[in-house]
Amino acid sequence: MSKFHVKKTSLGENDKSLILKGKITEGAIDKGMTIEIPITAAATVSMKIHDVVHFDHQHDEDKRDGLVLDFTDDPDALDIVLDLNIADEDLSVK
């Protein structure tokens, strides 16, 4: 299992995707893998990673990796995840 440390979340260019900016802290993460986003202590949302991007121009090394999640088919889940305002959190990736 891989780990990703999220520093910041932001909407993608099309407003139907979310970018988790941070750093891969354990293992390797590729497009198509699944990230587990905790909603409550007992519930999580599992999302497929649509793309993995690298922000070479980013001065903060803790924000150089980005995981793109596509919510086109589930816009309600996008609202839920945005409301969580995920930051400074380690997430599991399978």
C-alpha atoms as a PDB file:
ATOM      1  CA  MET A   1       0.000   0.000   0.000  1.00  0.00           C
ATOM      2  CA  SER A   2       1.230   3.482  -0.855  1.00  0.00           C
ATOM      3  CA  LYS A   3       0.788   6.710   1.093  1.00  0.00           C
ATOM      4  CA  PHE A   4       0.192  10.271  -0.077  1.00  0.00           C
ATOM      5  CA  HIS A   5       0.530  13.298   2.194  1.00  0.00           C
ATOM      6  CA  VAL A   6      -1.995  15.952   1.143  1.00  0.00           C
ATOM      7  CA  LYS A   7      -0.950  19.559   1.770  1.00  0.00           C
ATOM      8  CA  LYS A   8      -3.728  21.263  -0.214  1.00  0.00           C
ATOM      9  CA  THR A   9      -6.805  20.490  -2.300  1.00  0.00           C
ATOM     10  CA  SER A  10      -8.024  22.533  -5.251  1.00  0.00           C
ATOM     11  CA  LEU A  11     -10.533  22.284  -8.074  1.00  0.00           C
ATOM     12  CA  GLY A  12      -9.264  21.203 -11.457  1.00  0.00           C
ATOM     13  CA  GLU A  13      -9.700  23.319 -14.578  1.00  0.00           C
ATOM     14  CA  ASN A  14     -13.067  21.796 -15.504  1.00  0.00           C
ATOM     15  CA  ASP A  15     -14.695  22.131 -12.030  1.00  0.00           C
ATOM     16  CA  LYS A  16     -15.466  18.385 -12.148  1.00  0.00           C
ATOM     17  CA  SER A  17     -12.086  17.271 -10.933  1.00  0.00           C
ATOM     18  CA  LEU A  18     -10.120  17.751  -7.759  1.00  0.00           C
ATOM     19  CA  ILE A  19      -6.354  17.961  -7.390  1.00  0.00           C
ATOM     20  CA  LEU A  20      -4.766  16.731  -4.197  1.00  0.00           C
ATOM     21  CA  LYS A  21      -1.405  18.509  -3.997  1.00  0.00           C
ATOM     22  CA  GLY A  22       1.217  16.976  -1.782  1.00  0.00           C
ATOM     23  CA  LYS A  23       3.932  14.380  -1.737  1.00  0.00           C
ATOM     24  CA  ILE A  24       4.162  10.627  -2.212  1.00  0.00           C
ATOM     25  CA  THR A  25       5.579   9.453   1.110  1.00  0.00           C
ATOM     26  CA  GLU A  26       5.507   5.687   0.656  1.00  0.00           C
ATOM     27  CA  GLY A  27       5.536   3.378  -2.349  1.00  0.00           C
ATOM     28  CA  ALA A  28       4.620   4.360  -5.901  1.00  0.00           C
ATOM     29  CA  ILE A  29       1.357   5.886  -7.093  1.00  0.00           C
ATOM     30  CA  ASP A  30       0.075   5.559 -10.642  1.00  0.00           C
ATOM     31  CA  LYS A  31      -2.985   6.487 -12.661  1.00  0.00           C
ATOM     32  CA  GLY A  32      -5.813   3.985 -12.069  1.00  0.00           C
ATOM     33  CA  MET A  33      -4.954   3.259  -8.439  1.00  0.00           C
ATOM     34  CA  THR A  34      -7.552   3.933  -5.725  1.00  0.00           C
ATOM     35  CA  ILE A  35      -7.217   6.520  -2.956  1.00  0.00           C
ATOM     36  CA  GLU A  36      -9.160   6.183   0.307  1.00  0.00           C
ATOM     37  CA  ILE A  37     -10.608   9.473   1.596  1.00  0.00           C
ATOM     38  CA  PRO A  38     -11.985   9.295   5.154  1.00  0.00           C
ATOM     39  CA  ILE A  39     -15.340  11.039   5.569  1.00  0.00           C
ATOM     40  CA  THR A  40     -15.995  10.014   9.177  1.00  0.00           C
ATOM     41  CA  ALA A  41     -14.320   7.580  11.577  1.00  0.00           C
ATOM     42  CA  ALA A  42     -16.411   4.779  10.046  1.00  0.00           C
ATOM     43  CA  ALA A  43     -16.900   5.876   6.418  1.00  0.00           C
ATOM     44  CA  THR A  44     -14.561   6.447   3.495  1.00  0.00           C
ATOM     45  CA  VAL A  45     -14.899   7.392  -0.162  1.00  0.00           C
ATOM     46  CA  SER A  46     -12.773   5.360  -2.564  1.00  0.00           C
ATOM     47  CA  MET A  47     -11.796   7.217  -5.740  1.00  0.00           C
ATOM     48  CA  LYS A  48      -9.790   6.119  -8.751  1.00  0.00           C
ATOM     49  CA  ILE A  49      -6.842   8.334  -9.545  1.00  0.00           C
ATOM     50  CA  HIS A  50      -7.476   9.866 -12.968  1.00  0.00           C
ATOM     51  CA  ASP A  51      -3.949  11.203 -13.382  1.00  0.00           C
ATOM     52  CA  VAL A  52      -0.707  11.849 -11.509  1.00  0.00           C
ATOM     53  CA  VAL A  53       0.959  15.185 -12.232  1.00  0.00           C
ATOM     54  CA  HIS A  54       4.222  16.766 -11.123  1.00  0.00           C
ATOM     55  CA  PHE A  55       4.574  20.479 -10.451  1.00  0.00           C
ATOM     56  CA  ASP A  56       8.256  21.074 -11.195  1.00  0.00           C
ATOM     57  CA  HIS A  57       7.837  24.858 -10.788  1.00  0.00           C
ATOM     58  CA  GLN A  58       6.489  24.470  -7.240  1.00  0.00           C
ATOM     59  CA  HIS A  59       9.003  25.814  -4.709  1.00  0.00           C
ATOM     60  CA  ASP A  60       7.450  23.888  -1.803  1.00  0.00           C
ATOM     61  CA  GLU A  61       8.678  20.294  -2.184  1.00  0.00           C
ATOM     62  CA  ASP A  62       5.691  19.108  -0.147  1.00  0.00           C
ATOM     63  CA  LYS A  63       3.347  20.221  -2.974  1.00  0.00           C
ATOM     64  CA  ARG A  64       5.213  18.929  -6.032  1.00  0.00           C
ATOM     65  CA  ASP A  65       3.013  15.876  -6.673  1.00  0.00           C
ATOM     66  CA  GLY A  66      -0.642  16.057  -7.637  1.00  0.00           C
ATOM     67  CA  LEU A  67      -3.311  13.380  -7.765  1.00  0.00           C
ATOM     68  CA  VAL A  68      -6.213  14.224 -10.069  1.00  0.00           C
ATOM     69  CA  LEU A  69      -9.602  12.770  -9.140  1.00  0.00           C
ATOM     70  CA  ASP A  70     -12.444  12.932 -11.684  1.00  0.00           C
ATOM     71  CA  PHE A  71     -15.944  13.494 -10.260  1.00  0.00           C
ATOM     72  CA  THR A  72     -17.814  13.813 -13.576  1.00  0.00           C
ATOM     73  CA  ASP A  73     -19.992  10.791 -12.761  1.00  0.00           C
ATOM     74  CA  ASP A  74     -20.509  11.727  -9.090  1.00  0.00           C
ATOM     75  CA  PRO A  75     -20.686  15.518  -8.553  1.00  0.00           C
ATOM     76  CA  ASP A  76     -22.247  15.068  -5.086  1.00  0.00           C
ATOM     77  CA  ALA A  77     -19.102  13.260  -3.930  1.00  0.00           C
ATOM     78  CA  LEU A  78     -17.042  16.228  -5.160  1.00  0.00           C
ATOM     79  CA  ASP A  79     -19.006  18.564  -2.878  1.00  0.00           C
ATOM     80  CA  ILE A  80     -18.498  16.213   0.079  1.00  0.00           C
ATOM     81  CA  VAL A  81     -14.749  15.912  -0.484  1.00  0.00           C
ATOM     82  CA  LEU A  82     -14.349  19.678  -1.048  1.00  0.00           C
ATOM     83  CA  ASP A  83     -16.182  20.385   2.205  1.00  0.00           C
ATOM     84  CA  LEU A  84     -13.654  18.191   4.049  1.00  0.00           C
ATOM     85  CA  ASN A  85     -10.898  20.664   3.095  1.00  0.00           C
ATOM     86  CA  ILE A  86      -8.269  17.928   3.290  1.00  0.00           C
ATOM     87  CA  ALA A  87      -4.881  19.299   4.327  1.00  0.00           C
ATOM     88  CA  ASP A  88      -1.876  17.926   6.224  1.00  0.00           C
ATOM     89  CA  GLU A  89      -3.304  14.410   6.096  1.00  0.00           C
ATOM     90  CA  ASP A  90      -1.871  11.057   5.005  1.00  0.00           C
ATOM     91  CA  LEU A  91      -4.126   9.034   2.710  1.00  0.00           C
ATOM     92  CA  SER A  92      -3.803   5.375   1.691  1.00  0.00           C
ATOM     93  CA  VAL A  93      -3.537   4.426  -1.967  1.00  0.00           C
ATOM     94  CA  LYS A  94      -4.039   0.895  -3.333  1.00  0.00           C
END
